[in-house]
Amino acid sequence: MHSINNLADLLETINDLYMLLDGKIDFDAEGWPVFLKDHFLNEWPDDIVTYANRKNKLIVDRNKTVLCHFASDSQNYRRFPKVMGDISEYQKYLGAVFPDITVTRDMDVEFQDLALLANQLYAAVLAVNKIKLVANTRCGSKLTQKYLRHLPRNVIWASSFLGCNKTSTPSETAEYINKILSLMPSKLIIYGKQDLAVNCQLDILGINYRYYEDFHRRCKKESI
């Protein structure tokens, strides 16, 4: 599998992922992997850390730690061509969050589609290799949110507000909350900084959520 440097590389990577999954998982009519509830983690992790920092001394128990990809696109892209070689590393941990290739509402919808498809295909490769998953709420625009709705209900999901501004209006808060309600998570992990307006609405609705401090902030506190 080749490195991802442009759109053509992303398309080739998607084709390579399909080949890895051939005969190992079902796909829907549009070519999206069909995940089962059994593919997902049931329990809360004790810790969450980015893949790149998984071996840091701050990680106490790998068996209770989830690996995430809430990092730069360059770090996310780096994992795709190495996915099969990384399986043995993932197996040392409790589970993994879907990859997090950036999609934003101002991007071309076609690119959003491809990025989300790549994220889900990568996660499917982990699933068929017995890695327990945490779904990722990232979706970009409302047009591409539909690609999250075919995932199973009542499974564990994760969000991250790193790199995002706090919601400044009730409509912005409502947009996120409505997405969460449409996904019906059994548990919701939020990695990184808190958004108090979001917290208030999650509390009102009785969403079962927990915050996990991002690794960069933990390291800064440790060094003080």
C-alpha atoms as a PDB file:
ATOM      1  CA  MET A   1       0.000   0.000   0.000  1.00  0.00           C
ATOM      2  CA  HIS A   2       1.371   3.405  -0.984  1.00  0.00           C
ATOM      3  CA  SER A   3       1.757   6.587   1.087  1.00  0.00           C
ATOM      4  CA  ILE A   4      -1.047   9.158   0.815  1.00  0.00           C
ATOM      5  CA  ASN A   5       0.101  12.455  -0.647  1.00  0.00           C
ATOM      6  CA  ASN A   6      -2.794  13.434  -2.909  1.00  0.00           C
ATOM      7  CA  LEU A   7      -6.291  12.466  -4.022  1.00  0.00           C
ATOM      8  CA  ALA A   8      -5.018   9.804  -6.404  1.00  0.00           C
ATOM      9  CA  ASP A   9      -3.114   8.151  -3.541  1.00  0.00           C
ATOM     10  CA  LEU A  10      -6.254   8.216  -1.393  1.00  0.00           C
ATOM     11  CA  LEU A  11      -8.241   6.496  -4.152  1.00  0.00           C
ATOM     12  CA  GLU A  12      -5.540   3.858  -4.532  1.00  0.00           C
ATOM     13  CA  THR A  13      -5.471   3.332  -0.762  1.00  0.00           C
ATOM     14  CA  ILE A  14      -9.232   2.809  -0.727  1.00  0.00           C
ATOM     15  CA  ASN A  15      -8.885   0.175  -3.444  1.00  0.00           C
ATOM     16  CA  ASP A  16      -6.118  -1.536  -1.458  1.00  0.00           C
ATOM     17  CA  LEU A  17      -8.322  -1.594   1.653  1.00  0.00           C
ATOM     18  CA  TYR A  18     -11.150  -3.175  -0.332  1.00  0.00           C
ATOM     19  CA  MET A  19      -8.733  -5.889  -1.423  1.00  0.00           C
ATOM     20  CA  LEU A  20      -7.713  -6.558   2.189  1.00  0.00           C
ATOM     21  CA  LEU A  21     -11.375  -6.916   3.128  1.00  0.00           C
ATOM     22  CA  ASP A  22     -12.456  -9.073   0.204  1.00  0.00           C
ATOM     23  CA  GLY A  23     -14.480 -12.000   1.522  1.00  0.00           C
ATOM     24  CA  LYS A  24     -13.970 -10.956   5.159  1.00  0.00           C
ATOM     25  CA  ILE A  25     -16.791  -8.469   5.748  1.00  0.00           C
ATOM     26  CA  ASP A  26     -20.081  -7.547   4.074  1.00  0.00           C
ATOM     27  CA  PHE A  27     -20.652  -4.288   2.206  1.00  0.00           C
ATOM     28  CA  ASP A  28     -23.855  -2.380   1.569  1.00  0.00           C
ATOM     29  CA  ALA A  29     -25.125  -1.493  -1.904  1.00  0.00           C
ATOM     30  CA  GLU A  30     -22.951   1.648  -1.976  1.00  0.00           C
ATOM     31  CA  GLY A  31     -19.752  -0.153  -0.965  1.00  0.00           C
ATOM     32  CA  TRP A  32     -19.622   0.850   2.702  1.00  0.00           C
ATOM     33  CA  PRO A  33     -18.520  -1.817   5.190  1.00  0.00           C
ATOM     34  CA  VAL A  34     -21.269  -3.337   7.313  1.00  0.00           C
ATOM     35  CA  PHE A  35     -20.202  -3.247  10.949  1.00  0.00           C
ATOM     36  CA  LEU A  36     -21.764  -5.496  13.581  1.00  0.00           C
ATOM     37  CA  LYS A  37     -22.315  -4.648  17.242  1.00  0.00           C
ATOM     38  CA  ASP A  38     -19.820  -7.380  18.101  1.00  0.00           C
ATOM     39  CA  HIS A  39     -17.095  -5.341  16.389  1.00  0.00           C
ATOM     40  CA  PHE A  40     -17.343  -2.635  19.071  1.00  0.00           C
ATOM     41  CA  LEU A  41     -15.937  -2.240  22.551  1.00  0.00           C
ATOM     42  CA  ASN A  42     -18.456  -2.560  25.379  1.00  0.00           C
ATOM     43  CA  GLU A  43     -16.552  -1.165  28.357  1.00  0.00           C
ATOM     44  CA  TRP A  44     -15.144   2.220  29.270  1.00  0.00           C
ATOM     45  CA  PRO A  45     -11.373   2.380  28.810  1.00  0.00           C
ATOM     46  CA  ASP A  46      -9.223   3.582  31.675  1.00  0.00           C
ATOM     47  CA  ASP A  47      -7.126   5.609  29.257  1.00  0.00           C
ATOM     48  CA  ILE A  48      -7.002   6.893  25.683  1.00  0.00           C
ATOM     49  CA  VAL A  49      -3.833   7.795  23.831  1.00  0.00           C
ATOM     50  CA  THR A  50      -2.889   8.626  20.268  1.00  0.00           C
ATOM     51  CA  TYR A  51      -1.217   5.819  18.360  1.00  0.00           C
ATOM     52  CA  ALA A  52       2.055   7.753  18.108  1.00  0.00           C
ATOM     53  CA  ASN A  53       2.271   8.102  21.920  1.00  0.00           C
ATOM     54  CA  ARG A  54       1.128   4.597  22.848  1.00  0.00           C
ATOM     55  CA  LYS A  55       4.471   3.603  24.408  1.00  0.00           C
ATOM     56  CA  ASN A  56       4.831   6.658  26.630  1.00  0.00           C
ATOM     57  CA  LYS A  57       5.535   6.044  30.330  1.00  0.00           C
ATOM     58  CA  LEU A  58       2.231   7.740  31.215  1.00  0.00           C
ATOM     59  CA  ILE A  59       0.357   4.737  29.830  1.00  0.00           C
ATOM     60  CA  VAL A  60      -0.035   2.475  32.848  1.00  0.00           C
ATOM     61  CA  ASP A  61      -2.062  -0.455  31.504  1.00  0.00           C
ATOM     62  CA  ARG A  62      -2.216  -1.147  27.772  1.00  0.00           C
ATOM     63  CA  ASN A  63      -4.952  -3.741  28.262  1.00  0.00           C
ATOM     64  CA  LYS A  64      -7.271  -0.986  29.490  1.00  0.00           C
ATOM     65  CA  THR A  65      -6.144   1.686  27.015  1.00  0.00           C
ATOM     66  CA  VAL A  66      -7.801   2.627  23.727  1.00  0.00           C
ATOM     67  CA  LEU A  67      -5.683   3.922  20.864  1.00  0.00           C
ATOM     68  CA  CYS A  68      -7.044   6.905  18.954  1.00  0.00           C
ATOM     69  CA  HIS A  69      -6.109   8.899  15.873  1.00  0.00           C
ATOM     70  CA  PHE A  70      -7.082  12.386  17.021  1.00  0.00           C
ATOM     71  CA  ALA A  71      -3.897  13.795  15.534  1.00  0.00           C
ATOM     72  CA  SER A  72      -2.656  15.537  12.401  1.00  0.00           C
ATOM     73  CA  ASP A  73      -3.590  14.220   8.971  1.00  0.00           C
ATOM     74  CA  SER A  74       0.058  13.478   8.318  1.00  0.00           C
ATOM     75  CA  GLN A  75       0.033  11.072  11.277  1.00  0.00           C
ATOM     76  CA  ASN A  76      -3.279   9.561  10.194  1.00  0.00           C
ATOM     77  CA  TYR A  77      -2.132   9.051   6.614  1.00  0.00           C
ATOM     78  CA  ARG A  78       1.049   7.382   7.836  1.00  0.00           C
ATOM     79  CA  ARG A  79      -0.932   4.533   9.389  1.00  0.00           C
ATOM     80  CA  PHE A  80      -2.847   3.501   6.280  1.00  0.00           C
ATOM     81  CA  PRO A  81      -0.048   1.834   4.295  1.00  0.00           C
ATOM     82  CA  LYS A  82       1.136   0.134   7.515  1.00  0.00           C
ATOM     83  CA  VAL A  83      -2.231  -1.167   8.689  1.00  0.00           C
ATOM     84  CA  MET A  84      -1.473  -4.883   8.420  1.00  0.00           C
ATOM     85  CA  GLY A  85       1.940  -4.480  10.025  1.00  0.00           C
ATOM     86  CA  ASP A  86       0.305  -2.531  12.883  1.00  0.00           C
ATOM     87  CA  ILE A  87      -2.265  -5.216  13.742  1.00  0.00           C
ATOM     88  CA  SER A  88       0.021  -6.921  16.277  1.00  0.00           C
ATOM     89  CA  GLU A  89       0.499  -3.540  17.985  1.00  0.00           C
ATOM     90  CA  TYR A  90      -3.240  -2.836  18.169  1.00  0.00           C
ATOM     91  CA  GLN A  91      -3.759  -6.269  19.701  1.00  0.00           C
ATOM     92  CA  LYS A  92      -1.807  -5.192  22.786  1.00  0.00           C
ATOM     93  CA  TYR A  93      -4.481  -2.610  23.626  1.00  0.00           C
ATOM     94  CA  LEU A  94      -8.142  -2.646  24.617  1.00  0.00           C
ATOM     95  CA  GLY A  95      -9.341  -1.255  21.289  1.00  0.00           C
ATOM     96  CA  ALA A  96      -9.068   1.565  18.773  1.00  0.00           C
ATOM     97  CA  VAL A  97     -11.079   4.560  17.597  1.00  0.00           C
ATOM     98  CA  PHE A  98     -11.800   4.839  13.861  1.00  0.00           C
ATOM     99  CA  PRO A  99      -9.169   6.940  12.022  1.00  0.00           C
ATOM    100  CA  ASP A 100      -9.724  10.674  11.861  1.00  0.00           C
ATOM    101  CA  ILE A 101      -8.804  11.978   8.403  1.00  0.00           C
ATOM    102  CA  THR A 102     -10.005  15.588   8.430  1.00  0.00           C
ATOM    103  CA  VAL A 103     -13.372  16.356   6.871  1.00  0.00           C
ATOM    104  CA  THR A 104     -14.975  19.773   7.260  1.00  0.00           C
ATOM    105  CA  ARG A 105     -18.214  21.188   5.941  1.00  0.00           C
ATOM    106  CA  ASP A 106     -16.419  23.548   3.540  1.00  0.00           C
ATOM    107  CA  MET A 107     -14.672  20.705   1.678  1.00  0.00           C
ATOM    108  CA  ASP A 108     -16.028  19.280  -1.551  1.00  0.00           C
ATOM    109  CA  VAL A 109     -18.647  16.693  -0.643  1.00  0.00           C
ATOM    110  CA  GLU A 110     -16.940  14.146  -2.894  1.00  0.00           C
ATOM    111  CA  PHE A 111     -13.708  14.440  -0.903  1.00  0.00           C
ATOM    112  CA  GLN A 112     -15.625  14.184   2.361  1.00  0.00           C
ATOM    113  CA  ASP A 113     -17.177  10.955   1.065  1.00  0.00           C
ATOM    114  CA  LEU A 114     -13.768   9.491   0.196  1.00  0.00           C
ATOM    115  CA  ALA A 115     -12.172  10.490   3.503  1.00  0.00           C
ATOM    116  CA  LEU A 116     -15.003   8.983   5.532  1.00  0.00           C
ATOM    117  CA  LEU A 117     -14.952   5.837   3.410  1.00  0.00           C
ATOM    118  CA  ALA A 118     -11.204   5.461   3.984  1.00  0.00           C
ATOM    119  CA  ASN A 119     -11.700   5.926   7.735  1.00  0.00           C
ATOM    120  CA  GLN A 120     -14.367   3.223   7.837  1.00  0.00           C
ATOM    121  CA  LEU A 121     -12.495   0.775   5.605  1.00  0.00           C
ATOM    122  CA  TYR A 122      -9.420   1.073   7.821  1.00  0.00           C
ATOM    123  CA  ALA A 123     -11.588   0.421  10.875  1.00  0.00           C
ATOM    124  CA  ALA A 124     -13.098  -2.592   9.100  1.00  0.00           C
ATOM    125  CA  VAL A 125      -9.610  -4.031   8.582  1.00  0.00           C
ATOM    126  CA  LEU A 126      -9.058  -3.724  12.324  1.00  0.00           C
ATOM    127  CA  ALA A 127     -12.438  -5.332  13.031  1.00  0.00           C
ATOM    128  CA  VAL A 128     -11.825  -8.422  10.899  1.00  0.00           C
ATOM    129  CA  ASN A 129      -8.526  -8.809  12.730  1.00  0.00           C
ATOM    130  CA  LYS A 130     -10.323  -8.930  16.111  1.00  0.00           C
ATOM    131  CA  ILE A 131      -9.535  -5.363  17.219  1.00  0.00           C
ATOM    132  CA  LYS A 132     -12.452  -3.906  19.180  1.00  0.00           C
ATOM    133  CA  LEU A 133     -13.618  -0.569  17.806  1.00  0.00           C
ATOM    134  CA  VAL A 134     -14.881   2.804  18.989  1.00  0.00           C
ATOM    135  CA  ALA A 135     -16.791   4.655  16.268  1.00  0.00           C
ATOM    136  CA  ASN A 136     -15.814   8.245  15.412  1.00  0.00           C
ATOM    137  CA  THR A 137     -18.492  10.966  15.227  1.00  0.00           C
ATOM    138  CA  ARG A 138     -16.515  13.063  12.718  1.00  0.00           C
ATOM    139  CA  CYS A 139     -18.535  13.571   9.547  1.00  0.00           C
ATOM    140  CA  GLY A 140     -17.998  17.060   8.060  1.00  0.00           C
ATOM    141  CA  SER A 141     -21.233  18.430   6.626  1.00  0.00           C
ATOM    142  CA  LYS A 142     -24.832  17.370   7.162  1.00  0.00           C
ATOM    143  CA  LEU A 143     -24.722  15.805   3.691  1.00  0.00           C
ATOM    144  CA  THR A 144     -22.103  13.285   4.764  1.00  0.00           C
ATOM    145  CA  GLN A 145     -23.578  12.631   8.197  1.00  0.00           C
ATOM    146  CA  LYS A 146     -25.669   9.920   6.519  1.00  0.00           C
ATOM    147  CA  TYR A 147     -22.529   7.764   6.326  1.00  0.00           C
ATOM    148  CA  LEU A 148     -22.524   7.475  10.102  1.00  0.00           C
ATOM    149  CA  ARG A 149     -26.145   6.428  10.387  1.00  0.00           C
ATOM    150  CA  HIS A 150     -25.621   2.984   8.888  1.00  0.00           C
ATOM    151  CA  LEU A 151     -23.364   2.012  11.797  1.00  0.00           C
ATOM    152  CA  PRO A 152     -25.027  -0.027  14.579  1.00  0.00           C
ATOM    153  CA  ARG A 153     -27.026   1.789  17.245  1.00  0.00           C
ATOM    154  CA  ASN A 154     -26.185   1.511  20.935  1.00  0.00           C
ATOM    155  CA  VAL A 155     -22.440   1.126  20.453  1.00  0.00           C
ATOM    156  CA  ILE A 156     -19.618   3.232  21.835  1.00  0.00           C
ATOM    157  CA  TRP A 157     -18.637   6.434  19.977  1.00  0.00           C
ATOM    158  CA  ALA A 158     -15.899   9.050  20.375  1.00  0.00           C
ATOM    159  CA  SER A 159     -15.654  12.761  19.616  1.00  0.00           C
ATOM    160  CA  SER A 160     -12.828  15.238  19.921  1.00  0.00           C
ATOM    161  CA  PHE A 161     -13.061  19.017  20.096  1.00  0.00           C
ATOM    162  CA  LEU A 162      -9.304  19.457  19.673  1.00  0.00           C
ATOM    163  CA  GLY A 163      -8.656  22.148  17.077  1.00  0.00           C
ATOM    164  CA  CYS A 164     -12.297  23.264  17.246  1.00  0.00           C
ATOM    165  CA  ASN A 165     -13.694  26.505  18.606  1.00  0.00           C
ATOM    166  CA  LYS A 166     -16.188  26.184  21.419  1.00  0.00           C
ATOM    167  CA  THR A 167     -19.784  26.305  20.213  1.00  0.00           C
ATOM    168  CA  SER A 168     -20.718  29.969  20.297  1.00  0.00           C
ATOM    169  CA  THR A 169     -24.448  29.808  19.517  1.00  0.00           C
ATOM    170  CA  PRO A 170     -27.339  27.546  20.548  1.00  0.00           C
ATOM    171  CA  SER A 171     -27.639  26.418  16.922  1.00  0.00           C
ATOM    172  CA  GLU A 172     -24.027  25.183  16.860  1.00  0.00           C
ATOM    173  CA  THR A 173     -24.544  23.272  20.090  1.00  0.00           C
ATOM    174  CA  ALA A 174     -27.818  21.852  18.768  1.00  0.00           C
ATOM    175  CA  GLU A 175     -26.117  20.646  15.576  1.00  0.00           C
ATOM    176  CA  TYR A 176     -23.683  18.503  17.544  1.00  0.00           C
ATOM    177  CA  ILE A 177     -26.314  17.286  19.996  1.00  0.00           C
ATOM    178  CA  ASN A 178     -28.699  16.337  17.159  1.00  0.00           C
ATOM    179  CA  LYS A 179     -25.925  14.314  15.553  1.00  0.00           C
ATOM    180  CA  ILE A 180     -25.302  12.466  18.816  1.00  0.00           C
ATOM    181  CA  LEU A 181     -29.017  11.763  19.227  1.00  0.00           C
ATOM    182  CA  SER A 182     -29.166  10.350  15.694  1.00  0.00           C
ATOM    183  CA  LEU A 183     -26.317   7.947  16.526  1.00  0.00           C
ATOM    184  CA  MET A 184     -27.848   6.706  19.794  1.00  0.00           C
ATOM    185  CA  PRO A 185     -24.515   5.882  21.487  1.00  0.00           C
ATOM    186  CA  SER A 186     -24.387   3.465  24.399  1.00  0.00           C
ATOM    187  CA  LYS A 187     -21.371   5.414  25.625  1.00  0.00           C
ATOM    188  CA  LEU A 188     -19.787   8.639  24.354  1.00  0.00           C
ATOM    189  CA  ILE A 189     -16.083   9.324  24.791  1.00  0.00           C
ATOM    190  CA  ILE A 190     -14.966  12.946  24.399  1.00  0.00           C
ATOM    191  CA  TYR A 191     -11.225  13.289  23.976  1.00  0.00           C
ATOM    192  CA  GLY A 192      -9.574  16.576  24.830  1.00  0.00           C
ATOM    193  CA  LYS A 193     -11.001  19.909  25.842  1.00  0.00           C
ATOM    194  CA  GLN A 194     -14.484  20.321  27.246  1.00  0.00           C
ATOM    195  CA  ASP A 195     -17.331  22.360  25.802  1.00  0.00           C
ATOM    196  CA  LEU A 196     -19.578  23.412  28.674  1.00  0.00           C
ATOM    197  CA  ALA A 197     -22.555  24.212  26.441  1.00  0.00           C
ATOM    198  CA  VAL A 198     -22.368  20.718  24.985  1.00  0.00           C
ATOM    199  CA  ASN A 199     -21.979  19.214  28.468  1.00  0.00           C
ATOM    200  CA  CYS A 200     -25.154  20.931  29.618  1.00  0.00           C
ATOM    201  CA  GLN A 201     -27.203  19.477  26.788  1.00  0.00           C
ATOM    202  CA  LEU A 202     -25.696  16.005  27.139  1.00  0.00           C
ATOM    203  CA  ASP A 203     -26.581  16.083  30.859  1.00  0.00           C
ATOM    204  CA  ILE A 204     -30.150  17.164  30.159  1.00  0.00           C
ATOM    205  CA  LEU A 205     -30.600  14.328  27.658  1.00  0.00           C
ATOM    206  CA  GLY A 206     -29.002  11.733  29.894  1.00  0.00           C
ATOM    207  CA  ILE A 207     -26.249  10.816  27.427  1.00  0.00           C
ATOM    208  CA  ASN A 208     -23.693   8.514  29.051  1.00  0.00           C
ATOM    209  CA  TYR A 209     -20.433  10.373  28.352  1.00  0.00           C
ATOM    210  CA  ARG A 210     -16.951  10.752  29.782  1.00  0.00           C
ATOM    211  CA  TYR A 211     -14.100  13.136  29.061  1.00  0.00           C
ATOM    212  CA  TYR A 212     -10.527  11.953  28.653  1.00  0.00           C
ATOM    213  CA  GLU A 213      -7.721  14.483  28.829  1.00  0.00           C
ATOM    214  CA  ASP A 214      -5.697  14.778  25.642  1.00  0.00           C
ATOM    215  CA  PHE A 215      -2.170  13.439  25.743  1.00  0.00           C
ATOM    216  CA  HIS A 216      -0.445  16.754  24.989  1.00  0.00           C
ATOM    217  CA  ARG A 217      -2.100  18.417  27.996  1.00  0.00           C
ATOM    218  CA  ARG A 218      -1.206  15.478  30.218  1.00  0.00           C
ATOM    219  CA  CYS A 219       2.420  15.728  29.214  1.00  0.00           C
ATOM    220  CA  LYS A 220       2.479  19.453  29.969  1.00  0.00           C
ATOM    221  CA  LYS A 221       1.044  18.863  33.429  1.00  0.00           C
ATOM    222  CA  GLU A 222       3.561  16.104  34.046  1.00  0.00           C
ATOM    223  CA  SER A 223       6.466  18.407  33.212  1.00  0.00           C
ATOM    224  CA  ILE A 224       5.409  21.171  35.596  1.00  0.00           C
END
